[in-house]
Amino acid sequence: MPEILIAKELRKSFDGLEIVRNASLQLPAGKTVALLGPSGSGKSTLLSLLAGLERPTRGEVYLDGQALSPLSEDELCLLRREKVGFVFQAFHLIPTLSALENVAFPLYPTGVPKKERQQRALDLLQKVGLAARKDHLPAKLSGGERQRVAIARALVNRPRVLFCDEPTGNLDSQTGGEILDMLFGLNLEQAMTLLMVTHDQELAARADETWFVRDGEVSK
């Protein structure tokens, strides 16, 4: 199975402190991987590097065969828009937009017609069980509902890889289990690659592979 993501000797420093050091990995397309490690080990920074949200101090990331470091910011933004979905622990929904508008938001720069944007967003809200809440602002949604909206938004561009940073971290165990069922169901339905930072042992047990991050280095 071809690799959808390859990282070679990644390093990332902030103010002279090396957060990620010599991290190398390969991720086959369609796999689910849990990224485990203690707080401060560099997991979230590594995830941001792999998703192209941050640039490494040294090393290279290849996403679907494309090296990221030579790309301009505009080119990198376009590649993320076409290939990547990202689910944040803190949701990062736009508070003044409805659930439907939040899900459709990533499509605005793409030139997708308004009718198609709304239909694609509505279809995804239906998939995550929130079609009836489409007109609600984030403040009127529960934590689990906001996470479902965030997942729908991450999927609206039909990404090859879905990156999730603690997708169940702010949720109770029942809601977290429902979110996991949905994520793994999407992996099976769409052959979409999942890479998830987590402290959740249940999530890690369900993943195809588990990687460990210790002091900024990755191992299996």
Protein backbone atom coordinates (compact mmCIF):
# COMPACT_ATOMS: atom_id res chain seq x y z
CA MET A 1 0.00 0.00 0.00
CA PRO A 2 1.55 3.36 -1.00
CA GLU A 3 2.48 5.86 1.67
CA ILE A 4 0.26 8.94 1.86
CA LEU A 5 2.58 10.67 4.35
CA ILE A 6 6.35 10.49 4.82
CA ALA A 7 8.42 12.50 7.28
CA LYS A 8 12.22 12.51 7.22
CA GLU A 9 14.32 13.69 10.17
CA LEU A 10 11.93 16.43 11.28
CA ARG A 11 13.13 18.97 13.79
CA LYS A 12 11.27 21.94 15.23
CA SER A 13 12.63 24.51 17.66
CA PHE A 14 10.95 27.39 19.49
CA ASP A 15 13.15 30.03 21.15
CA GLY A 16 16.11 27.66 21.10
CA LEU A 17 14.17 24.77 22.63
CA GLU A 18 13.90 21.71 20.37
CA ILE A 19 10.33 20.37 20.59
CA VAL A 20 10.54 17.79 17.77
CA ARG A 21 13.87 16.10 17.13
CA ASN A 22 14.81 13.70 14.37
CA ALA A 23 11.25 12.41 13.82
CA SER A 24 10.89 10.07 10.83
CA LEU A 25 7.83 8.04 9.87
CA GLN A 26 5.80 6.60 7.01
CA LEU A 27 2.01 6.33 6.92
CA PRO A 28 0.32 4.03 4.37
CA ALA A 29 -2.87 5.35 2.77
CA GLY A 30 -6.10 4.27 4.43
CA LYS A 31 -4.55 3.42 7.81
CA THR A 32 -5.52 4.65 11.26
CA VAL A 33 -2.70 5.68 13.57
CA ALA A 34 -2.80 6.83 17.20
CA LEU A 35 0.02 9.12 18.32
CA LEU A 36 0.62 8.66 22.06
CA GLY A 37 2.92 10.40 24.50
CA PRO A 38 2.99 12.40 27.73
CA SER A 39 2.09 16.08 27.85
CA GLY A 40 4.92 18.20 26.49
CA SER A 41 6.39 15.37 24.42
CA GLY A 42 5.85 17.21 21.12
CA LYS A 43 2.79 15.31 19.81
CA SER A 44 0.70 18.30 18.80
CA THR A 45 3.68 20.11 17.29
CA LEU A 46 4.52 17.01 15.26
CA LEU A 47 0.92 16.75 14.07
CA SER A 48 1.00 20.39 12.92
CA LEU A 49 4.24 19.77 11.02
CA LEU A 50 2.81 16.70 9.29
CA ALA A 51 -0.36 18.59 8.32
CA GLY A 52 1.59 21.52 6.91
CA LEU A 53 0.25 23.94 9.54
CA GLU A 54 3.78 24.69 10.69
CA ARG A 55 7.13 24.47 8.92
CA PRO A 56 9.96 22.38 10.38
CA THR A 57 13.27 23.88 11.41
CA ARG A 58 14.91 21.01 9.52
CA GLY A 59 13.73 17.90 7.68
CA GLU A 60 11.00 17.27 5.14
CA VAL A 61 7.37 16.18 4.95
CA TYR A 62 5.94 14.54 1.82
CA LEU A 63 2.16 14.58 1.55
CA ASP A 64 0.72 12.42 -1.22
CA GLY A 65 4.13 12.57 -2.93
CA GLN A 66 4.53 16.35 -2.65
CA ALA A 67 7.42 17.82 -0.64
CA LEU A 68 6.06 20.63 1.53
CA SER A 69 9.17 22.76 2.19
CA PRO A 70 9.54 24.16 -1.39
CA LEU A 71 5.94 25.38 -1.42
CA SER A 72 5.02 29.04 -0.91
CA GLU A 73 2.43 29.87 1.74
CA ASP A 74 -0.26 30.15 -0.94
CA GLU A 75 0.74 26.80 -2.47
CA LEU A 76 0.82 25.17 0.95
CA CYS A 77 -2.62 26.56 1.76
CA LEU A 78 -3.98 25.17 -1.51
CA LEU A 79 -2.46 21.73 -0.85
CA ARG A 80 -3.96 21.62 2.66
CA ARG A 81 -7.32 22.67 1.27
CA GLU A 82 -7.25 19.82 -1.25
CA LYS A 83 -5.63 17.04 0.78
CA VAL A 84 -5.96 17.70 4.52
CA GLY A 85 -8.64 17.92 7.19
CA PHE A 86 -7.79 18.98 10.74
CA VAL A 87 -9.88 18.53 13.90
CA PHE A 88 -8.75 20.61 16.88
CA GLN A 89 -9.37 19.72 20.52
CA ALA A 90 -10.81 23.21 21.12
CA PHE A 91 -13.12 22.97 18.07
CA HIS A 92 -12.19 26.46 16.68
CA LEU A 93 -15.65 27.08 15.28
CA ILE A 94 -16.51 30.64 14.19
CA PRO A 95 -18.92 31.86 16.90
CA THR A 96 -20.96 34.15 14.63
CA LEU A 97 -21.69 31.44 12.04
CA SER A 98 -24.31 28.71 12.22
CA ALA A 99 -23.37 25.04 12.21
CA LEU A 100 -24.14 24.87 8.48
CA GLU A 101 -22.10 28.00 7.74
CA ASN A 102 -19.15 26.70 9.78
CA VAL A 103 -19.10 23.43 7.85
CA ALA A 104 -19.38 25.20 4.49
CA PHE A 105 -16.78 27.85 5.36
CA PRO A 106 -13.67 26.05 3.93
CA LEU A 107 -15.41 25.84 0.55
CA TYR A 108 -15.78 29.62 0.10
CA PRO A 109 -12.26 30.17 -1.35
CA THR A 110 -12.58 27.18 -3.69
CA GLY A 111 -15.17 28.61 -6.07
CA VAL A 112 -17.70 25.87 -5.29
CA PRO A 113 -21.16 27.35 -6.08
CA LYS A 114 -23.28 28.42 -3.12
CA LYS A 115 -25.93 25.76 -3.67
CA GLU A 116 -23.34 22.98 -3.76
CA ARG A 117 -21.55 24.38 -0.69
CA GLN A 118 -24.75 24.33 1.31
CA GLN A 119 -25.76 20.89 0.10
CA ARG A 120 -22.37 19.37 0.84
CA ALA A 121 -22.38 20.93 4.31
CA LEU A 122 -25.93 19.74 4.97
CA ASP A 123 -25.06 16.21 3.84
CA LEU A 124 -22.16 16.13 6.31
CA LEU A 125 -24.27 17.47 9.15
CA GLN A 126 -26.72 14.71 8.35
CA LYS A 127 -23.89 12.18 8.52
CA VAL A 128 -22.83 13.40 11.96
CA GLY A 129 -26.44 13.52 13.18
CA LEU A 130 -26.83 17.30 13.38
CA ALA A 131 -28.97 18.26 10.39
CA ALA A 132 -31.71 19.41 12.76
CA ARG A 133 -29.24 21.80 14.44
CA LYS A 134 -27.90 23.33 11.24
CA ASP A 135 -29.07 26.87 12.08
CA HIS A 136 -27.71 26.90 15.64
CA LEU A 137 -24.68 28.99 16.61
CA PRO A 138 -21.82 27.15 18.37
CA ALA A 139 -22.79 28.68 21.75
CA LYS A 140 -26.14 26.87 21.48
CA LEU A 141 -24.49 23.47 20.91
CA SER A 142 -23.09 21.01 23.44
CA GLY A 143 -19.40 20.08 23.44
CA GLY A 144 -20.13 16.84 21.59
CA GLU A 145 -22.23 18.66 19.02
CA ARG A 146 -19.51 21.25 18.46
CA GLN A 147 -16.96 18.48 17.93
CA ARG A 148 -19.27 16.85 15.38
CA VAL A 149 -19.58 20.16 13.54
CA ALA A 150 -15.77 20.48 13.60
CA ILE A 151 -15.41 17.00 12.12
CA ALA A 152 -17.97 17.77 9.41
CA ARG A 153 -16.06 20.97 8.58
CA ALA A 154 -12.79 19.02 8.35
CA LEU A 155 -14.41 16.61 5.89
CA VAL A 156 -16.13 19.13 3.61
CA ASN A 157 -13.17 19.31 1.21
CA ARG A 158 -13.00 15.50 1.05
CA PRO A 159 -9.42 15.23 2.38
CA ARG A 160 -7.04 12.35 1.82
CA VAL A 161 -5.79 12.59 5.43
CA LEU A 162 -7.70 13.63 8.55
CA PHE A 163 -5.50 14.90 11.39
CA CYS A 164 -7.13 14.94 14.83
CA ASP A 165 -5.59 16.60 17.90
CA GLU A 166 -7.20 15.00 20.97
CA PRO A 167 -10.60 14.60 19.26
CA THR A 168 -12.19 13.25 22.46
CA GLY A 169 -10.20 15.32 24.95
CA ASN A 170 -13.02 17.73 25.86
CA LEU A 171 -15.83 15.17 25.80
CA ASP A 172 -17.44 12.81 28.28
CA SER A 173 -16.81 9.09 27.79
CA GLN A 174 -20.13 8.34 26.07
CA THR A 175 -19.87 11.24 23.63
CA GLY A 176 -16.19 10.47 23.07
CA GLY A 177 -17.08 6.88 22.18
CA GLU A 178 -19.66 8.09 19.66
CA ILE A 179 -17.06 10.41 18.07
CA LEU A 180 -14.60 7.51 17.82
CA ASP A 181 -17.23 5.29 16.20
CA MET A 182 -17.84 8.01 13.65
CA LEU A 183 -14.16 8.59 12.87
CA PHE A 184 -13.39 4.91 12.41
CA GLY A 185 -16.57 4.49 10.37
CA LEU A 186 -15.41 7.25 8.03
CA ASN A 187 -12.06 5.51 7.68
CA LEU A 188 -13.82 2.34 6.53
CA GLU A 189 -16.39 4.05 4.29
CA GLN A 190 -14.03 6.43 2.52
CA ALA A 191 -10.60 4.78 2.93
CA MET A 192 -9.57 8.06 4.53
CA THR A 193 -6.31 8.03 6.46
CA LEU A 194 -6.60 9.01 10.14
CA LEU A 195 -3.74 10.29 12.29
CA MET A 196 -4.82 11.11 15.83
CA VAL A 197 -2.99 12.58 18.81
CA THR A 198 -4.56 11.16 21.95
CA HIS A 199 -4.23 10.11 25.58
CA ASP A 200 -7.24 7.82 25.09
CA GLN A 201 -6.20 4.17 25.41
CA GLU A 202 -9.50 3.01 23.89
CA LEU A 203 -8.77 5.02 20.76
CA ALA A 204 -5.20 3.71 20.60
CA ALA A 205 -6.43 0.12 20.94
CA ARG A 206 -8.73 0.54 17.92
CA ALA A 207 -6.09 2.06 15.62
CA ASP A 208 -4.19 -0.01 13.05
CA GLU A 209 -0.90 1.29 14.46
CA THR A 210 0.25 3.11 17.58
CA TRP A 211 3.22 5.46 17.52
CA PHE A 212 4.87 6.86 20.64
CA VAL A 213 6.39 10.32 21.00
CA ARG A 214 9.00 10.77 23.70
CA ASP A 215 11.14 13.89 23.98
CA GLY A 216 10.21 14.84 20.42
CA GLU A 217 11.19 11.50 18.86
CA VAL A 218 8.84 8.94 17.29
CA SER A 219 8.91 5.17 17.74
CA LYS A 220 6.50 2.25 17.32
